[in-house]
Protein backbone atom coordinates (compact mmCIF):
# COMPACT_ATOMS: atom_id res chain seq x y z
CA MET A 1 151.69 154.51 -77.26
CA ASN A 2 153.40 154.47 -80.66
CA THR A 3 150.40 152.73 -82.24
CA SER A 4 151.71 152.95 -85.82
CA VAL A 5 154.79 150.81 -85.13
CA LEU A 6 153.33 148.61 -82.40
CA SER A 7 150.02 147.92 -84.15
CA ARG A 8 151.68 147.00 -87.42
CA LYS A 9 153.96 144.52 -85.71
CA ARG A 10 151.13 142.95 -83.68
CA GLN A 11 148.99 142.52 -86.81
CA ARG A 12 151.61 140.20 -88.30
CA LEU A 13 150.58 136.87 -86.81
CA ASP A 14 153.26 134.18 -86.86
CA VAL A 15 151.56 131.91 -84.32
CA LEU A 16 148.20 131.89 -82.51
CA ILE A 17 149.68 131.09 -79.07
CA GLU A 18 152.00 133.67 -77.52
CA ASN A 19 152.57 135.68 -80.71
CA LYS A 20 155.50 137.88 -79.69
CA VAL A 21 156.46 141.45 -80.57
CA SER A 22 159.73 142.63 -78.97
CA PHE A 23 161.69 145.87 -78.51
CA ALA A 24 165.22 145.78 -77.10
CA GLY A 25 166.93 148.25 -74.76
CA GLU A 26 170.43 148.26 -73.31
CA HIS A 27 169.52 146.47 -70.07
CA ALA A 28 166.07 145.08 -70.84
CA GLU A 29 163.76 143.75 -73.51
CA LEU A 30 160.05 144.57 -73.65
CA SER A 31 157.70 142.11 -75.35
CA ILE A 32 153.97 141.97 -75.92
CA TYR A 33 152.41 138.50 -76.22
CA ASP A 34 149.03 137.93 -77.89
CA THR A 35 147.29 134.56 -77.66
CA TYR A 36 144.33 133.89 -79.97
CA GLN A 37 143.14 130.41 -78.96
CA ASP A 38 142.49 128.30 -75.87
CA ALA A 39 145.68 126.56 -74.75
CA GLN A 40 147.02 124.74 -71.68
CA LYS A 41 150.38 124.20 -70.03
CA VAL A 42 152.37 126.60 -72.21
CA ALA A 43 155.86 126.83 -70.73
CA LEU A 44 157.48 130.14 -69.75
CA HIS A 45 160.93 130.79 -68.32
CA SER A 46 163.76 133.30 -68.65
CA SER A 47 167.45 133.46 -67.81
CA GLU A 48 166.85 136.95 -66.37
CA LEU A 49 164.19 138.41 -64.08
CA LEU A 50 160.90 138.63 -66.01
CA PHE A 51 158.25 141.20 -65.09
CA CYS A 52 154.83 140.46 -66.62
CA GLY A 53 151.85 142.80 -66.65
CA MET A 54 148.44 141.58 -67.79
CA ILE A 55 146.74 143.76 -70.43
CA SER A 56 143.60 141.83 -71.38
CA GLY A 57 142.03 138.41 -70.89
CA LYS A 58 142.96 135.83 -68.29
CA LYS A 59 145.80 133.41 -67.65
CA ILE A 60 146.11 130.64 -65.09
CA MET A 61 149.68 130.40 -63.81
CA HIS A 62 151.16 127.14 -62.51
CA VAL A 63 154.61 127.45 -60.92
CA ALA A 64 156.65 124.35 -61.62
CA ASP A 65 158.61 124.32 -58.35
CA SER A 66 155.74 125.05 -55.93
CA HIS A 67 152.04 124.48 -55.31
CA TYR A 68 151.18 127.93 -56.67
CA HIS A 69 148.20 128.02 -59.06
CA SER A 70 146.43 131.31 -59.60
CA ALA A 71 144.52 133.43 -62.10
CA PHE A 72 146.44 136.32 -63.68
CA LEU A 73 144.14 139.23 -64.60
CA PRO A 74 144.43 142.81 -65.97
CA ASN A 75 146.01 145.29 -63.58
CA GLN A 76 148.07 142.54 -61.97
CA SER A 77 151.81 141.93 -62.20
CA PHE A 78 153.73 138.67 -62.05
CA VAL A 79 157.48 138.61 -61.42
CA LEU A 80 159.36 135.47 -62.40
CA ALA A 81 162.78 134.87 -60.89
CA PRO A 82 165.65 133.95 -63.24
CA ARG A 83 165.35 130.34 -64.45
CA GLN A 84 162.09 129.82 -62.54
CA LYS A 85 159.56 127.93 -64.68
CA VAL A 86 155.82 128.36 -65.00
CA LEU A 87 153.12 126.70 -67.07
CA ILE A 88 150.29 128.88 -68.42
CA ASP A 89 146.69 128.12 -69.34
CA PHE A 90 144.71 130.45 -71.63
CA PRO A 91 141.06 129.59 -70.90
CA ASP A 92 139.45 132.66 -72.51
CA ALA A 93 141.66 133.38 -75.53
CA SER A 94 139.99 133.70 -78.97
CA LEU A 95 140.57 135.39 -82.32
CA ASN A 96 138.09 138.14 -81.44
CA LYS A 97 139.36 138.63 -77.86
CA PRO A 98 143.03 137.72 -77.53
CA THR A 99 144.72 137.34 -74.20
CA THR A 100 147.48 139.95 -74.08
CA CYS A 101 150.41 140.28 -71.70
CA LEU A 102 153.36 142.65 -71.38
CA ALA A 103 156.74 141.14 -70.37
CA ILE A 104 159.91 143.01 -69.50
CA GLU A 105 163.12 140.97 -69.16
CA ILE A 106 165.58 142.83 -66.92
CA SER A 107 169.26 141.95 -66.60
CA THR A 108 170.51 140.81 -63.19
CA ASP A 109 173.35 143.35 -63.42
CA LYS A 110 170.83 146.17 -63.80
CA ILE A 111 168.91 145.03 -60.72
CA ARG A 112 172.14 144.77 -58.73
CA ASN A 113 173.13 148.32 -59.72
CA VAL A 114 169.79 149.73 -58.54
CA VAL A 115 169.98 147.76 -55.26
CA ASP A 116 173.48 149.09 -54.61
CA ALA A 117 172.45 152.68 -55.38
CA LEU A 118 169.38 152.57 -53.15
CA ASN A 119 171.15 151.05 -50.19
CA PHE A 120 173.94 153.59 -50.55
CA GLN A 121 171.41 156.43 -50.44
CA GLN A 122 170.07 155.32 -47.06
CA GLU A 123 173.39 154.12 -45.63
CA ILE A 124 173.08 156.43 -42.64
CA SER A 125 170.17 154.36 -41.31
CA HIS A 126 172.23 151.14 -41.28
CA ASP A 127 169.23 149.19 -42.59
CA ASP A 128 169.31 147.26 -45.85
CA PHE A 129 165.74 147.89 -46.96
CA PHE A 130 166.39 146.96 -50.56
CA GLN A 131 167.33 143.42 -51.39
CA TYR A 132 166.53 141.22 -54.34
CA VAL A 133 164.98 137.91 -53.30
CA PRO A 134 164.82 135.45 -56.24
CA LYS A 135 161.22 134.28 -55.85
CA LEU A 136 157.79 134.60 -57.34
CA VAL A 137 155.90 137.85 -56.76
CA HIS A 138 152.24 138.20 -57.83
CA SER A 139 150.48 141.44 -56.91
CA GLN A 140 147.92 144.05 -57.88
CA HIS A 141 149.05 147.12 -59.79
CA ASN A 142 148.57 150.50 -58.21
CA ILE A 143 147.85 153.44 -60.50
CA GLN A 144 151.49 154.56 -60.47
CA THR A 145 152.76 151.19 -61.71
CA GLN A 146 150.05 151.04 -64.37
CA GLN A 147 151.01 154.50 -65.67
CA LEU A 148 154.70 153.50 -65.63
CA LEU A 149 154.03 150.41 -67.75
CA GLU A 150 152.05 152.41 -70.30
CA ARG A 151 154.91 154.90 -70.49
CA MET A 152 157.46 152.09 -70.93
CA ILE A 153 155.53 150.64 -73.89
CA THR A 154 155.79 154.01 -75.59
CA LEU A 155 159.50 154.43 -74.76
CA PHE A 156 160.50 150.98 -76.01
CA SER A 157 158.47 151.15 -79.22
CA GLU A 158 159.69 154.56 -80.37
CA ASN A 159 163.01 155.64 -81.88
CA GLU A 160 163.24 159.21 -80.70
CA GLN A 161 166.29 161.00 -79.37
CA HIS A 162 167.37 160.03 -75.82
CA ARG A 163 165.34 156.78 -76.05
CA ASP A 164 167.96 154.67 -74.19
CA TYR A 165 168.37 157.23 -71.42
CA LEU A 166 164.61 157.49 -70.82
CA ILE A 167 164.23 153.70 -70.88
CA ASP A 168 166.98 153.46 -68.25
CA LEU A 169 165.14 155.93 -65.99
CA SER A 170 161.91 153.96 -66.32
CA LEU A 171 163.73 150.71 -65.52
CA ASN A 172 165.17 152.29 -62.37
CA GLU A 173 161.64 153.23 -61.30
CA LEU A 174 160.18 149.79 -62.07
CA ILE A 175 162.97 147.94 -60.26
CA THR A 176 162.64 150.26 -57.26
CA ARG A 177 158.90 149.51 -57.07
CA LEU A 178 159.59 145.76 -57.22
CA LEU A 179 162.24 146.02 -54.50
CA GLN A 180 159.93 148.05 -52.29
CA GLN A 181 157.32 145.31 -52.60
CA GLN A 182 159.90 142.65 -51.79
CA SER A 183 161.33 144.59 -48.84
CA ARG A 184 157.82 144.71 -47.39
CA ASP A 185 157.37 140.97 -47.86
CA VAL A 186 160.77 140.19 -46.32
CA MET A 187 160.04 142.37 -43.29
CA LEU A 188 156.67 140.72 -42.73
CA ALA A 189 158.22 137.26 -43.07
CA ASN A 190 160.88 138.21 -40.54
CA CYS A 191 158.21 139.41 -38.11
CA GLN A 192 156.31 136.14 -38.45
CA GLN A 193 159.56 134.33 -37.60
CA GLN A 194 159.96 136.53 -34.49
CA THR A 195 162.83 138.44 -36.16
CA THR A 196 161.42 141.90 -35.63
CA THR A 197 162.49 145.21 -37.17
CA PRO A 198 161.09 148.67 -36.39
CA LEU A 199 159.43 149.17 -39.77
CA GLY A 200 158.37 145.52 -39.89
CA ASN A 201 156.44 146.04 -36.65
CA VAL A 202 154.79 149.11 -38.17
CA LEU A 203 153.67 147.12 -41.21
CA ILE A 204 152.18 144.44 -38.97
CA TYR A 205 150.30 147.07 -36.99
CA ILE A 206 148.92 148.73 -40.12
CA GLU A 207 147.73 145.40 -41.53
CA GLN A 208 146.02 144.59 -38.23
CA HIS A 209 144.19 147.95 -38.22
CA LEU A 210 143.10 148.38 -41.84
CA SER A 211 139.65 149.70 -40.95
CA ASP A 212 140.94 152.20 -38.34
CA THR A 213 142.19 155.73 -38.63
CA ILE A 214 145.84 155.36 -37.62
CA GLU A 215 147.60 158.05 -35.64
CA ILE A 216 151.09 158.84 -36.92
CA ASN A 217 152.35 159.28 -33.34
CA THR A 218 151.38 155.67 -32.66
CA LEU A 219 153.45 154.47 -35.60
CA CYS A 220 156.42 156.59 -34.50
CA LYS A 221 156.31 154.99 -31.05
CA ILE A 222 156.18 151.50 -32.55
CA ALA A 223 159.19 152.32 -34.74
CA CYS A 224 161.01 154.12 -31.89
CA MET A 225 161.72 157.04 -34.24
CA SER A 226 161.08 160.73 -34.34
CA ARG A 227 158.29 161.90 -36.64
CA SER A 228 160.65 163.27 -39.30
CA LYS A 229 162.94 160.22 -39.31
CA PHE A 230 159.98 157.83 -39.41
CA TYR A 231 158.46 159.53 -42.46
CA GLN A 232 161.84 159.56 -44.21
CA GLN A 233 162.57 155.88 -43.50
CA PHE A 234 159.08 154.66 -44.34
CA LYS A 235 158.86 156.47 -47.66
CA LEU A 236 162.37 155.42 -48.61
CA ALA A 237 161.55 151.77 -47.95
CA PHE A 238 158.08 151.61 -49.51
CA GLY A 239 157.77 154.63 -51.80
CA VAL A 240 154.63 156.05 -50.16
CA THR A 241 153.44 157.55 -46.88
CA PRO A 242 151.89 155.32 -44.16
CA ALA A 243 148.40 156.65 -45.02
CA VAL A 244 148.79 155.78 -48.69
CA TRP A 245 150.21 152.38 -47.75
CA GLN A 246 147.20 151.62 -45.59
CA GLN A 247 144.89 152.69 -48.41
CA GLN A 248 146.69 150.37 -50.86
CA LEU A 249 146.38 147.46 -48.42
CA ARG A 250 142.68 148.20 -47.93
CA LEU A 251 142.09 148.15 -51.67
CA GLN A 252 144.10 144.98 -52.20
CA LYS A 253 142.09 143.22 -49.50
CA ALA A 254 138.89 144.61 -51.02
CA TYR A 255 139.85 143.10 -54.36
CA ARG A 256 140.37 139.68 -52.78
CA LEU A 257 137.08 139.85 -50.85
CA LEU A 258 135.15 140.82 -53.97
CA GLN A 259 136.68 137.84 -55.78
CA THR A 260 135.16 135.59 -53.11
CA GLY A 261 131.69 137.02 -53.80
CA GLU A 262 131.20 139.45 -50.91
CA ARG A 263 128.86 142.39 -51.55
CA ILE A 264 130.37 145.77 -52.46
CA SER A 265 128.70 147.61 -49.56
CA GLN A 266 129.82 144.93 -47.09
CA VAL A 267 133.44 145.19 -48.25
CA CYS A 268 133.27 148.98 -48.21
CA TYR A 269 132.23 149.32 -44.57
CA GLN A 270 134.31 146.34 -43.39
CA LEU A 271 137.52 148.07 -44.54
CA GLY A 272 136.79 151.51 -43.08
CA PHE A 273 135.33 153.31 -46.10
CA ASN A 274 132.32 155.47 -45.23
CA ASP A 275 130.56 155.66 -48.58
CA PRO A 276 130.14 152.94 -51.28
CA SER A 277 130.25 155.51 -54.10
CA HIS A 278 133.55 156.92 -52.85
CA PHE A 279 134.87 153.40 -52.38
CA SER A 280 133.97 152.50 -55.97
CA ARG A 281 135.73 155.61 -57.35
CA VAL A 282 138.90 154.94 -55.35
CA PHE A 283 138.85 151.28 -56.33
CA LYS A 284 138.50 152.08 -60.03
CA ASN A 285 141.32 154.62 -59.86
CA ALA A 286 143.57 151.97 -58.30
CA PHE A 287 142.75 148.97 -60.50
CA GLY A 288 141.27 150.39 -63.68
CA SER A 289 137.92 148.62 -63.23
CA ALA A 290 134.93 149.05 -60.93
CA PRO A 291 134.22 146.64 -58.05
CA LYS A 292 131.22 145.20 -59.89
CA HIS A 293 133.49 144.11 -62.74
CA VAL A 294 135.71 142.16 -60.34
CA ILE A 295 132.63 140.32 -59.10
CA LYS A 296 131.60 139.53 -62.70
CA GLN A 297 135.04 137.99 -63.42
CA ARG A 298 134.20 135.19 -61.01
CA HIS A 299 131.49 133.88 -63.33
């Protein structure tokens, strides 16, 4: 991170609630918000898609047009659709420990260009995996997304040669990850409505067998595809192999179970991990904090 530029800007406090430092790119603007005091019902909205990544502290998000109310914690992302409104509480913010959030506003045209490019690349399959659905998305970061966000902070806050080109590449990657998450959600929703797709059925099967060792031949039969085509289509749609996808789902469920107060060893064995120490290492690599810290956040 370009700490000299970024730190100097963040040290200039104009307000104590949502003090904003921004860096503009051609198709996006990256901002870091620091809040230094307890506050409630602070409004947030954007005319473009807004990707938010929590850095430190805790927010409570209230979506104005739904019954959604949830805590927003480090290593989580929150995607706000254009013109969607949320209200934010800052229960833990203080001068010594500010609540800090990263926000990236991405133009609709840029998202449309990436969608068009991705669907063109897999045109031979006649499946539109990638589609932008204007709705709220709240999810856990995986390690790849976390590393990408750290890299984007550096790219936006520096003025080196090829800055705009590198920012554009990072935006392509971020949008692709968001679209992959949405394509998964859309497929699962379609399955629940009895509108089945080959990969949608595979996702349902994986989620129903999180603690099992899944045979790739079984997934190929469910998808009615050859082994090579199945791997190609799955990784194109979701960015990872089926084994990595299952691991991510296991860890996301583990996070939710730990938040409810279940013991680490119980969660470990329930989700198919054989050793609590290994589970803790994998969990920390994925979310940046150990399972015991997630349990502590409840109190």
